[in-house]
Each structure stands twice: as structure tokens, then as C-alpha cells.
Amino acid sequence: MKYTKGPWHACHNGECSCHMVWSIPHDCVVAVGIGAKDENYTGGEGIINEAIITANTRLIAAAPDMYEALKAMADIHSPYSPKVAHDMADKALAKAEGKGE
């Protein structure tokens, strides 16, 4: 699978109004977090919910980390021990939840 290698970082941990996700090693924008004008996400007001966009941005930024962690867990021939793969998954989840970069 080919994609822009990580790590990816949400601009200001997803709190920036640009909602851009950067690949620092490649110095490029890889994605922009978006939200929906949908009453299911806005409480019926039709206004984009910034919290949803921030969460989307963080989730996108964590995608390469989650991919690598899942790959390490799924590959029985992985050079990583189960403990290391589990730690990778924990770090990726924390990044997606805005608890760490």
C-alpha cells in the first residue's frame, strides 16, 4: 500500500481553524478535516460543529500510526513483540483522541 508516510500531525493538535493535517517529513498537507452540515452532527441547527471537525482532523492525523500498529498486530512474522504492537496501538488511539502526538 502506498501513501504519504507519517508521522502526520494535525495543525495545533486539531484546534487550528485550518484543520490541516501535515506530513512533517515531506513538508506537505496530506488532508483537511471536514464536517457535515447535517442535523445528526449539528443538533439540528445546520451549523458545522467545530468539535466534529476537530475530531475528524485528529483521526485523520492518526491514520498512519493506526495502520502501522494494526499491521504489526496482524502480522505473525512482525519484528515487533505483542507488547510493542499494543503500545503502538495505544499511542495511535491517544493521538486520535487528542491526548498525545
C-alpha atoms as a PDB file:
ATOM      1  CA  MET A   1       0.000   0.000   0.000  1.00  0.00           C
ATOM      2  CA  LYS A   2       1.397   3.392  -0.955  1.00  0.00           C
ATOM      3  CA  TYR A   3       0.592   6.581   0.933  1.00  0.00           C
ATOM      4  CA  THR A   4       2.476   9.599   2.253  1.00  0.00           C
ATOM      5  CA  LYS A   5       4.404   8.136   5.161  1.00  0.00           C
ATOM      6  CA  GLY A   6       3.883   9.523   8.640  1.00  0.00           C
ATOM      7  CA  PRO A   7       4.074  10.805  11.090  1.00  0.00           C
ATOM      8  CA  TRP A   8       1.151  13.060  10.277  1.00  0.00           C
ATOM      9  CA  HIS A   9       0.269  15.921  12.602  1.00  0.00           C
ATOM     10  CA  ALA A  10      -2.952  17.878  12.978  1.00  0.00           C
ATOM     11  CA  CYS A  11      -2.181  21.598  12.983  1.00  0.00           C
ATOM     12  CA  HIS A  12      -2.125  22.677  16.645  1.00  0.00           C
ATOM     13  CA  ASN A  13      -3.463  19.229  17.644  1.00  0.00           C
ATOM     14  CA  GLY A  14      -6.612  19.806  15.568  1.00  0.00           C
ATOM     15  CA  GLU A  15      -7.537  23.030  17.348  1.00  0.00           C
ATOM     16  CA  CYS A  16      -6.420  25.317  14.488  1.00  0.00           C
ATOM     17  CA  SER A  17      -9.232  26.658  12.305  1.00  0.00           C
ATOM     18  CA  CYS A  18      -7.419  25.458   9.152  1.00  0.00           C
ATOM     19  CA  HIS A  19      -7.935  21.788  10.193  1.00  0.00           C
ATOM     20  CA  MET A  20      -4.949  20.762   8.065  1.00  0.00           C
ATOM     21  CA  VAL A  21      -3.064  17.517   8.554  1.00  0.00           C
ATOM     22  CA  TRP A  22       0.637  17.721   7.705  1.00  0.00           C
ATOM     23  CA  SER A  23       3.307  15.201   6.874  1.00  0.00           C
ATOM     24  CA  ILE A  24       6.251  16.856   8.566  1.00  0.00           C
ATOM     25  CA  PRO A  25       8.937  14.663   6.893  1.00  0.00           C
ATOM     26  CA  HIS A  26       7.500  15.517   3.452  1.00  0.00           C
ATOM     27  CA  ASP A  27       6.530  19.106   4.345  1.00  0.00           C
ATOM     28  CA  CYS A  28       3.122  18.809   2.734  1.00  0.00           C
ATOM     29  CA  VAL A  29      -0.569  18.878   3.581  1.00  0.00           C
ATOM     30  CA  VAL A  30      -1.988  15.362   3.323  1.00  0.00           C
ATOM     31  CA  ALA A  31      -5.584  16.112   4.283  1.00  0.00           C
ATOM     32  CA  VAL A  32      -8.013  18.670   5.636  1.00  0.00           C
ATOM     33  CA  GLY A  33     -10.544  17.644   8.291  1.00  0.00           C
ATOM     34  CA  ILE A  34     -14.125  18.391   7.348  1.00  0.00           C
ATOM     35  CA  GLY A  35     -17.512  18.230   8.993  1.00  0.00           C
ATOM     36  CA  ALA A  36     -21.059  17.959   7.763  1.00  0.00           C
ATOM     37  CA  LYS A  37     -23.975  20.365   7.694  1.00  0.00           C
ATOM     38  CA  ASP A  38     -26.271  17.617   8.869  1.00  0.00           C
ATOM     39  CA  GLU A  39     -28.696  17.702  11.764  1.00  0.00           C
ATOM     40  CA  ASN A  40     -27.265  14.415  13.040  1.00  0.00           C
ATOM     41  CA  TYR A  41     -23.966  16.200  13.705  1.00  0.00           C
ATOM     42  CA  THR A  42     -25.153  19.709  14.497  1.00  0.00           C
ATOM     43  CA  GLY A  43     -28.128  19.169  16.777  1.00  0.00           C
ATOM     44  CA  GLY A  44     -30.475  20.353  14.027  1.00  0.00           C
ATOM     45  CA  GLU A  45     -29.050  23.867  13.710  1.00  0.00           C
ATOM     46  CA  GLY A  46     -27.442  23.263  10.308  1.00  0.00           C
ATOM     47  CA  ILE A  47     -24.167  24.771  11.522  1.00  0.00           C
ATOM     48  CA  ILE A  48     -20.929  22.859  11.139  1.00  0.00           C
ATOM     49  CA  ASN A  49     -19.893  21.560  14.535  1.00  0.00           C
ATOM     50  CA  GLU A  50     -16.264  22.547  15.181  1.00  0.00           C
ATOM     51  CA  ALA A  51     -15.850  19.705  17.701  1.00  0.00           C
ATOM     52  CA  ILE A  52     -16.709  17.179  14.975  1.00  0.00           C
ATOM     53  CA  ILE A  53     -14.226  18.766  12.556  1.00  0.00           C
ATOM     54  CA  THR A  54     -11.520  18.765  15.254  1.00  0.00           C
ATOM     55  CA  ALA A  55     -12.196  15.085  15.990  1.00  0.00           C
ATOM     56  CA  ASN A  56     -12.112  14.249  12.263  1.00  0.00           C
ATOM     57  CA  THR A  57      -8.802  16.095  11.864  1.00  0.00           C
ATOM     58  CA  ARG A  58      -7.222  14.223  14.781  1.00  0.00           C
ATOM     59  CA  LEU A  59      -8.496  10.881  13.491  1.00  0.00           C
ATOM     60  CA  ILE A  60      -7.052  11.566  10.032  1.00  0.00           C
ATOM     61  CA  ALA A  61      -3.700  12.572  11.547  1.00  0.00           C
ATOM     62  CA  ALA A  62      -3.547   9.287  13.490  1.00  0.00           C
ATOM     63  CA  ALA A  63      -4.318   7.115  10.436  1.00  0.00           C
ATOM     64  CA  PRO A  64      -0.704   6.140   9.545  1.00  0.00           C
ATOM     65  CA  ASP A  65       0.041   5.303  13.195  1.00  0.00           C
ATOM     66  CA  MET A  66      -3.097   3.161  13.456  1.00  0.00           C
ATOM     67  CA  TYR A  67      -2.288   1.439  10.167  1.00  0.00           C
ATOM     68  CA  GLU A  68       1.235   0.550  11.309  1.00  0.00           C
ATOM     69  CA  ALA A  69       0.019  -0.650  14.722  1.00  0.00           C
ATOM     70  CA  LEU A  70      -2.697  -2.831  13.207  1.00  0.00           C
ATOM     71  CA  LYS A  71      -0.242  -4.205  10.662  1.00  0.00           C
ATOM     72  CA  ALA A  72       2.198  -5.081  13.479  1.00  0.00           C
ATOM     73  CA  MET A  73      -0.580  -6.830  15.415  1.00  0.00           C
ATOM     74  CA  ALA A  74      -1.872  -8.756  12.410  1.00  0.00           C
ATOM     75  CA  ASP A  75       1.467  -9.935  11.046  1.00  0.00           C
ATOM     76  CA  ILE A  76       2.606 -13.076  12.853  1.00  0.00           C
ATOM     77  CA  HIS A  77       6.070 -12.525  11.386  1.00  0.00           C
ATOM     78  CA  SER A  78       6.249  -8.925  12.621  1.00  0.00           C
ATOM     79  CA  PRO A  79       9.571  -7.834  14.126  1.00  0.00           C
ATOM     80  CA  TYR A  80       7.542  -6.241  16.945  1.00  0.00           C
ATOM     81  CA  SER A  81       6.613  -8.103  20.093  1.00  0.00           C
ATOM     82  CA  PRO A  82       2.913  -8.153  21.028  1.00  0.00           C
ATOM     83  CA  LYS A  83       3.697  -5.658  23.827  1.00  0.00           C
ATOM     84  CA  VAL A  84       5.367  -3.219  21.410  1.00  0.00           C
ATOM     85  CA  ALA A  85       2.499  -3.567  18.903  1.00  0.00           C
ATOM     86  CA  HIS A  86      -0.005  -2.948  21.708  1.00  0.00           C
ATOM     87  CA  ASP A  87       1.930   0.159  22.794  1.00  0.00           C
ATOM     88  CA  MET A  88       1.882   1.387  19.179  1.00  0.00           C
ATOM     89  CA  ALA A  89      -1.895   0.960  19.120  1.00  0.00           C
ATOM     90  CA  ASP A  90      -2.306   2.792  22.454  1.00  0.00           C
ATOM     91  CA  LYS A  91      -0.241   5.739  21.186  1.00  0.00           C
ATOM     92  CA  ALA A  92      -2.206   5.889  17.921  1.00  0.00           C
ATOM     93  CA  LEU A  93      -5.517   5.879  19.792  1.00  0.00           C
ATOM     94  CA  ALA A  94      -4.308   8.618  22.153  1.00  0.00           C
ATOM     95  CA  LYS A  95      -3.270  10.701  19.134  1.00  0.00           C
ATOM     96  CA  ALA A  96      -6.673  10.222  17.510  1.00  0.00           C
ATOM     97  CA  GLU A  97      -8.369  11.272  20.750  1.00  0.00           C
ATOM     98  CA  GLY A  98      -6.220  14.412  21.045  1.00  0.00           C
ATOM     99  CA  LYS A  99      -4.360  13.119  24.099  1.00  0.00           C
ATOM    100  CA  GLY A 100      -0.902  12.990  22.547  1.00  0.00           C
ATOM    101  CA  GLU A 101       1.098  13.497  19.380  1.00  0.00           C
END
